[in-house]
Amino acid sequence: MERCMRCGSPREGLELTCKNCGGPFKVEVDFSYSNRLRDNFPYIKDWVSLGEFNTPLIWRGDVAFKLDFLNPTGSYKDRGAVTLISYLKEMGISEISEDSSGNAGSSMAAYGAAAGMKVNIFVPERAAGAKVKQILSYGASLVRVSGSRDDVSRAAMSDRAYYASHVLQPQFRDGIRSLAYEIFNQAGKVDYVFLPVSAGTLLLGVYEGFQHLLSQGKLDTPPKIVAVQTRQVSPLCAKKEGREYLPPSKVESVADALVSTNPLLLSFMEKAADLCAIVDEDEIVKARDSLSRMGLYVEYSSATVYAAYSKGSYHGKSVLVLTGHGLKNS
């Protein structure tokens, strides 16, 4: 069952937003927890798998690194893409559109290809780099759109294909619950989980996973979720701190996967984040270099979590989720 996150109305079919209030939907997690990870997604009968999930967790003292950049397409987004694409295939969808020039576009293109779907990825006119090349390599159609990032989203939404938005489709966010289960199974009780935060899919998915474990009596208290944002793109941190956020006219951060200056899910993200941490450009670069010296080659956006951990004071055990591979910045 999927319900509106705002008014609680049930989703009737494959509509993108609630017909009553226009709110986004979420999957109701009202079933028993299973140690078999995929059983926690009972609405998926046939997974379009590329070998996702069960990424390594390695400890360095009291801090553990969750190597989610080792998912098939090089990012955590595969958790959401496999769940959404598997669901849409079962619903008979054969062609999709999506707006992303980054990890979500790469992941949706890969899993769409595995499902035999026609995939149309809408990107900003000047989008370039390794992620765009990756999208094209999977056989997706790349549609360049001039104008703002909102113009790109509107173009994807108005396409003839079904709009498989990684932000609004509830199954995408729901698939990321799997990450919370893995952290619980691999690390046991931890005090903090650090996540890079942009549009909120990672934050909301992990939050729902820990809430499910809490409701099932697997946890007495969930770990505190630390939402990490860059100085340029910090609308969530600003909202939690009760101050005005003035986004730059153009985001020029090295953390190019963290670009949502006005996330659609912001009001829900505020509840999910226990703490916020803002990191600066020099701190991100230093953190990425430090991780590389440990043998962990991640994109700058992933390195934000280590930058936040390094500059703060966190007592107890912490898990830092490394979300994207360093080759993404090549």
Protein backbone atom coordinates (compact mmCIF):
# COMPACT_ATOMS: atom_id res chain seq x y z
CA MET A 1 0.00 0.00 0.00
CA GLU A 2 1.23 3.47 -0.89
CA ARG A 3 -0.14 6.53 0.87
CA CYS A 4 0.27 10.27 0.54
CA MET A 5 2.94 11.57 2.91
CA ARG A 6 0.88 14.71 3.48
CA CYS A 7 -2.79 13.70 3.83
CA GLY A 8 -2.66 9.89 4.03
CA SER A 9 -4.79 9.22 0.95
CA PRO A 10 -4.06 5.90 -0.78
CA ARG A 11 -2.42 5.81 -4.19
CA GLU A 12 -4.94 4.58 -6.73
CA GLY A 13 -2.60 3.53 -9.52
CA LEU A 14 0.63 4.91 -10.94
CA GLU A 15 -0.17 8.60 -10.47
CA LEU A 16 2.89 10.60 -9.47
CA THR A 17 1.33 12.75 -6.74
CA CYS A 18 -1.79 12.68 -4.55
CA LYS A 19 -5.00 13.63 -6.34
CA ASN A 20 -6.37 15.19 -3.16
CA CYS A 21 -3.51 17.42 -2.01
CA GLY A 22 -0.67 17.04 -4.49
CA GLY A 23 1.64 15.45 -1.93
CA PRO A 24 4.21 12.72 -2.62
CA PHE A 25 3.57 9.07 -1.86
CA LYS A 26 5.46 6.60 0.31
CA VAL A 27 5.25 2.84 0.67
CA GLU A 28 3.57 1.79 3.92
CA VAL A 29 6.05 -0.45 5.75
CA ASP A 30 3.48 -2.40 7.74
CA PHE A 31 4.89 -5.93 7.57
CA SER A 32 7.27 -8.01 9.67
CA TYR A 33 11.00 -7.57 9.30
CA SER A 34 12.91 -10.44 7.70
CA ASN A 35 16.62 -11.25 7.93
CA ARG A 36 16.38 -12.10 4.22
CA LEU A 37 16.78 -8.60 2.84
CA ARG A 38 14.65 -8.87 -0.29
CA ASP A 39 11.72 -10.28 1.69
CA ASN A 40 11.34 -6.80 3.20
CA PHE A 41 9.99 -5.65 -0.16
CA PRO A 42 7.02 -8.01 -0.56
CA TYR A 43 5.52 -6.05 -3.45
CA ILE A 44 8.46 -7.11 -5.67
CA LYS A 45 7.96 -10.62 -7.02
CA ASP A 46 10.68 -10.71 -9.70
CA TRP A 47 13.80 -8.61 -9.16
CA VAL A 48 15.61 -7.15 -12.18
CA SER A 49 18.92 -7.65 -10.42
CA LEU A 50 22.43 -6.65 -11.43
CA GLY A 51 23.94 -7.87 -8.15
CA GLU A 52 23.13 -4.87 -5.96
CA PHE A 53 22.92 -4.80 -2.13
CA ASN A 54 25.23 -6.29 0.51
CA THR A 55 28.08 -3.83 0.04
CA PRO A 56 31.09 -4.11 2.41
CA LEU A 57 31.42 -2.34 5.74
CA ILE A 58 34.97 -1.79 6.99
CA TRP A 59 36.03 -0.49 10.40
CA ARG A 60 38.80 1.93 11.27
CA GLY A 61 38.62 2.27 15.04
CA ASP A 62 35.21 3.60 16.04
CA VAL A 63 34.31 4.66 12.52
CA ALA A 64 33.05 2.33 9.82
CA PHE A 65 32.84 3.06 6.10
CA LYS A 66 29.88 1.61 4.21
CA LEU A 67 31.19 1.08 0.68
CA ASP A 68 27.99 1.71 -1.23
CA PHE A 69 29.98 2.95 -4.21
CA LEU A 70 30.56 -0.75 -4.92
CA ASN A 71 26.99 -1.24 -6.15
CA PRO A 72 26.81 -2.24 -9.86
CA THR A 73 26.71 1.24 -11.43
CA GLY A 74 29.00 2.79 -8.84
CA SER A 75 26.48 4.42 -6.50
CA TYR A 76 23.88 3.78 -3.82
CA LYS A 77 21.18 4.81 -6.30
CA ASP A 78 21.10 1.19 -7.50
CA ARG A 79 19.12 0.33 -4.36
CA GLY A 80 16.31 2.59 -5.48
CA ALA A 81 16.58 1.87 -9.20
CA VAL A 82 16.35 -1.93 -8.85
CA THR A 83 13.25 -1.59 -6.68
CA LEU A 84 11.48 0.96 -8.87
CA ILE A 85 12.37 -0.67 -12.19
CA SER A 86 11.37 -4.13 -10.92
CA TYR A 87 8.03 -2.71 -9.76
CA LEU A 88 7.34 -0.84 -12.99
CA LYS A 89 8.18 -3.88 -15.09
CA GLU A 90 5.64 -5.91 -13.11
CA MET A 91 3.12 -3.12 -13.75
CA GLY A 92 3.68 -3.42 -17.50
CA ILE A 93 5.67 -0.23 -18.08
CA SER A 94 7.98 -0.56 -21.09
CA GLU A 95 9.26 3.00 -21.60
CA ILE A 96 10.34 5.52 -18.97
CA SER A 97 11.65 9.06 -18.73
CA GLU A 98 13.86 10.42 -15.96
CA ASP A 99 15.66 13.70 -15.35
CA SER A 100 19.22 13.32 -14.07
CA SER A 101 22.66 13.89 -15.51
CA GLY A 102 24.22 12.07 -12.57
CA ASN A 103 24.11 8.87 -10.58
CA ALA A 104 20.32 8.46 -10.71
CA GLY A 105 20.33 8.75 -14.49
CA SER A 106 23.13 6.19 -14.78
CA SER A 107 21.37 3.78 -12.44
CA MET A 108 17.95 4.09 -14.05
CA ALA A 109 19.50 3.66 -17.50
CA ALA A 110 21.30 0.49 -16.40
CA TYR A 111 18.35 -1.18 -14.70
CA GLY A 112 15.98 -0.04 -17.43
CA ALA A 113 18.26 -1.74 -19.96
CA ALA A 114 18.32 -4.91 -17.86
CA ALA A 115 14.52 -4.86 -17.79
CA GLY A 116 14.28 -4.43 -21.56
CA MET A 117 12.77 -0.95 -21.26
CA LYS A 118 13.29 2.05 -23.50
CA VAL A 119 14.87 4.72 -21.31
CA ASN A 120 14.89 8.46 -21.99
CA ILE A 121 17.16 10.48 -19.71
CA PHE A 122 16.67 14.26 -19.72
CA VAL A 123 19.72 16.34 -18.82
CA PRO A 124 20.76 20.00 -18.78
CA GLU A 125 21.93 21.23 -22.17
CA ARG A 126 25.62 21.39 -21.19
CA ALA A 127 25.75 18.19 -19.15
CA ALA A 128 28.98 16.32 -19.71
CA GLY A 129 31.46 14.06 -17.98
CA ALA A 130 31.77 10.43 -16.93
CA LYS A 131 28.19 10.12 -15.71
CA VAL A 132 26.72 11.24 -19.04
CA LYS A 133 29.01 8.79 -20.86
CA GLN A 134 27.82 6.07 -18.51
CA ILE A 135 24.16 6.86 -19.23
CA LEU A 136 24.79 6.64 -22.97
CA SER A 137 26.71 3.39 -22.63
CA TYR A 138 23.56 1.62 -21.41
CA GLY A 139 21.74 2.53 -24.63
CA ALA A 140 19.52 5.22 -23.12
CA SER A 141 18.32 8.15 -25.20
CA LEU A 142 19.89 11.36 -23.91
CA VAL A 143 17.65 14.42 -24.27
CA ARG A 144 19.37 17.76 -23.70
CA VAL A 145 17.16 20.57 -22.41
CA SER A 146 18.06 24.26 -22.33
CA GLY A 147 17.08 26.42 -19.38
CA SER A 148 16.99 25.74 -15.65
CA ARG A 149 17.06 22.44 -13.77
CA ASP A 150 13.30 22.82 -13.31
CA ASP A 151 12.93 23.05 -17.09
CA VAL A 152 14.71 19.70 -17.39
CA SER A 153 12.28 18.13 -14.91
CA ARG A 154 9.26 19.55 -16.69
CA ALA A 155 10.50 18.22 -20.02
CA ALA A 156 10.90 14.72 -18.58
CA MET A 157 7.49 14.88 -16.97
CA SER A 158 5.81 15.91 -20.22
CA ASP A 159 7.48 13.16 -22.25
CA ARG A 160 5.24 10.48 -23.75
CA ALA A 161 6.96 7.83 -21.64
CA TYR A 162 6.07 7.11 -18.03
CA TYR A 163 7.84 9.56 -15.71
CA ALA A 164 9.96 7.43 -13.38
CA SER A 165 11.18 10.24 -11.14
CA HIS A 166 13.75 9.03 -8.64
CA VAL A 167 12.63 11.78 -6.26
CA LEU A 168 8.85 11.33 -6.42
CA GLN A 169 8.41 7.63 -7.16
CA PRO A 170 7.88 5.97 -3.75
CA GLN A 171 9.47 2.64 -4.72
CA PHE A 172 12.78 4.36 -5.45
CA ARG A 173 12.98 5.90 -1.98
CA ASP A 174 11.67 2.70 -0.45
CA GLY A 175 14.43 0.60 -2.00
CA ILE A 176 16.96 2.55 0.01
CA ARG A 177 15.53 1.05 3.21
CA SER A 178 17.84 -1.85 2.36
CA LEU A 179 20.82 0.25 3.38
CA ALA A 180 19.56 0.64 6.96
CA TYR A 181 19.04 -3.12 7.22
CA GLU A 182 22.57 -3.83 6.05
CA ILE A 183 24.09 -1.36 8.49
CA PHE A 184 22.10 -3.02 11.30
CA ASN A 185 23.13 -6.53 10.24
CA GLN A 186 26.79 -5.66 9.69
CA ALA A 187 27.47 -3.20 12.51
CA GLY A 188 24.87 -3.91 15.17
CA LYS A 189 24.11 -0.93 17.38
CA VAL A 190 25.81 2.27 16.26
CA ASP A 191 25.46 5.82 17.51
CA TYR A 192 25.63 7.85 14.30
CA VAL A 193 25.07 7.33 10.59
CA PHE A 194 26.45 10.04 8.29
CA LEU A 195 24.75 10.63 4.93
CA PRO A 196 25.40 13.16 2.15
CA VAL A 197 22.05 14.86 1.52
CA SER A 198 20.69 16.58 -1.58
CA ALA A 199 17.19 15.72 -2.85
CA GLY A 200 16.50 13.56 0.21
CA THR A 201 16.00 10.09 -1.24
CA LEU A 202 18.93 8.60 0.69
CA LEU A 203 17.98 10.32 3.93
CA LEU A 204 14.30 9.34 3.79
CA GLY A 205 15.00 5.77 2.75
CA VAL A 206 17.52 5.14 5.53
CA TYR A 207 15.21 6.81 8.05
CA GLU A 208 12.31 4.52 7.09
CA GLY A 209 14.55 1.47 7.35
CA PHE A 210 15.65 2.31 10.89
CA GLN A 211 12.08 3.16 11.90
CA HIS A 212 11.00 -0.28 10.66
CA LEU A 213 13.72 -1.95 12.73
CA LEU A 214 12.62 0.10 15.74
CA SER A 215 8.96 -0.85 15.33
CA GLN A 216 9.89 -4.52 15.04
CA GLY A 217 11.87 -4.47 18.30
CA LYS A 218 15.20 -5.02 16.56
CA LEU A 219 16.53 -1.72 17.91
CA ASP A 220 15.90 -0.03 21.25
CA THR A 221 16.93 3.31 19.79
CA PRO A 222 17.90 4.07 16.20
CA PRO A 223 21.24 5.73 15.43
CA LYS A 224 21.25 9.49 15.04
CA ILE A 225 21.26 10.40 11.37
CA VAL A 226 23.72 13.17 10.51
CA ALA A 227 22.69 14.93 7.30
CA VAL A 228 25.75 16.40 5.59
CA GLN A 229 25.44 19.28 3.13
CA THR A 230 27.84 21.65 1.39
CA ARG A 231 28.04 25.34 2.21
CA GLN A 232 26.58 26.18 -1.22
CA VAL A 233 23.74 23.63 -1.09
CA SER A 234 22.42 23.53 2.48
CA PRO A 235 18.64 24.13 2.49
CA LEU A 236 17.99 21.32 5.00
CA CYS A 237 20.63 22.49 7.45
CA ALA A 238 19.35 26.05 7.18
CA LYS A 239 15.78 24.93 7.85
CA LYS A 240 16.77 22.87 10.90
CA GLU A 241 18.83 25.77 12.23
CA GLY A 242 15.94 28.20 11.70
CA ARG A 243 17.78 30.53 9.33
CA GLU A 244 17.18 31.74 5.79
CA TYR A 245 18.90 29.92 2.95
CA LEU A 246 19.92 31.92 -0.11
CA PRO A 247 21.08 29.51 -2.84
CA PRO A 248 23.78 30.60 -5.28
CA SER A 249 22.73 31.53 -8.81
CA LYS A 250 24.92 28.65 -9.97
CA VAL A 251 26.22 25.74 -7.92
CA GLU A 252 29.96 25.37 -8.43
CA SER A 253 30.86 22.95 -5.65
CA VAL A 254 33.23 20.05 -6.25
CA ALA A 255 30.43 17.92 -4.77
CA ASP A 256 28.53 17.90 -8.05
CA ALA A 257 26.03 15.24 -6.98
CA LEU A 258 24.68 17.51 -4.24
CA VAL A 259 22.81 20.17 -6.20
CA SER A 260 19.22 20.29 -4.87
CA THR A 261 18.93 23.86 -3.61
CA ASN A 262 15.13 23.61 -3.28
CA PRO A 263 14.28 19.94 -2.65
CA LEU A 264 10.65 18.93 -3.11
CA LEU A 265 10.75 16.70 -0.03
CA LEU A 266 12.32 19.26 2.32
CA SER A 267 9.52 19.29 4.92
CA PHE A 268 9.79 15.51 5.30
CA MET A 269 13.57 15.56 5.32
CA GLU A 270 13.58 17.86 8.34
CA LYS A 271 11.96 15.17 10.49
CA ALA A 272 14.29 12.42 9.27
CA ALA A 273 17.56 14.21 10.07
CA ASP A 274 18.60 14.25 13.72
CA LEU A 275 21.64 16.45 13.16
CA CYS A 276 23.05 18.55 10.33
CA ALA A 277 26.63 19.31 9.37
CA ILE A 278 27.85 21.78 6.74
CA VAL A 279 31.23 21.32 5.06
CA ASP A 280 33.30 23.72 2.97
CA GLU A 281 35.07 23.10 -0.32
CA ASP A 282 38.57 22.80 1.11
CA GLU A 283 37.32 20.36 3.74
CA ILE A 284 35.72 18.17 1.04
CA VAL A 285 38.90 18.08 -1.05
CA LYS A 286 41.02 17.26 2.00
CA ALA A 287 38.60 14.50 3.05
CA ARG A 288 38.63 12.93 -0.40
CA ASP A 289 42.41 12.91 -0.42
CA SER A 290 42.45 11.31 3.03
CA LEU A 291 40.02 8.59 1.97
CA SER A 292 42.11 7.88 -1.11
CA ARG A 293 45.15 7.39 1.12
CA MET A 294 43.10 4.73 2.91
CA GLY A 295 42.44 3.01 -0.42
CA LEU A 296 38.88 4.35 -0.70
CA TYR A 297 38.43 6.17 -4.03
CA VAL A 298 35.13 8.06 -3.89
CA GLU A 299 33.57 11.03 -5.60
CA TYR A 300 33.74 14.39 -3.83
CA SER A 301 30.08 14.24 -2.86
CA SER A 302 30.75 11.04 -0.92
CA ALA A 303 33.76 12.54 0.82
CA THR A 304 31.52 15.13 2.50
CA VAL A 305 30.62 12.61 5.21
CA TYR A 306 34.26 12.14 6.19
CA ALA A 307 34.77 15.89 6.14
CA ALA A 308 31.85 16.29 8.54
CA TYR A 309 33.00 13.50 10.83
CA SER A 310 36.57 14.80 10.93
CA LYS A 311 35.60 18.34 11.97
CA GLY A 312 33.06 17.32 14.61
CA SER A 313 33.06 15.57 17.96
CA TYR A 314 31.05 12.35 17.88
CA HIS A 315 31.39 9.92 20.77
CA GLY A 316 30.64 6.28 20.14
CA LYS A 317 30.46 4.28 16.92
CA SER A 318 29.76 5.96 13.60
CA VAL A 319 28.97 4.64 10.12
CA LEU A 320 29.86 6.86 7.17
CA VAL A 321 28.04 5.97 3.95
CA LEU A 322 30.27 6.40 0.89
CA THR A 323 27.75 6.78 -1.89
CA GLY A 324 29.57 7.19 -5.21
CA HIS A 325 32.73 5.87 -6.88
CA GLY A 326 35.65 8.18 -7.54
CA LEU A 327 35.62 7.28 -11.23
CA LYS A 328 32.37 9.27 -11.45
CA ASN A 329 34.47 12.45 -11.28
CA SER A 330 36.81 11.36 -14.07
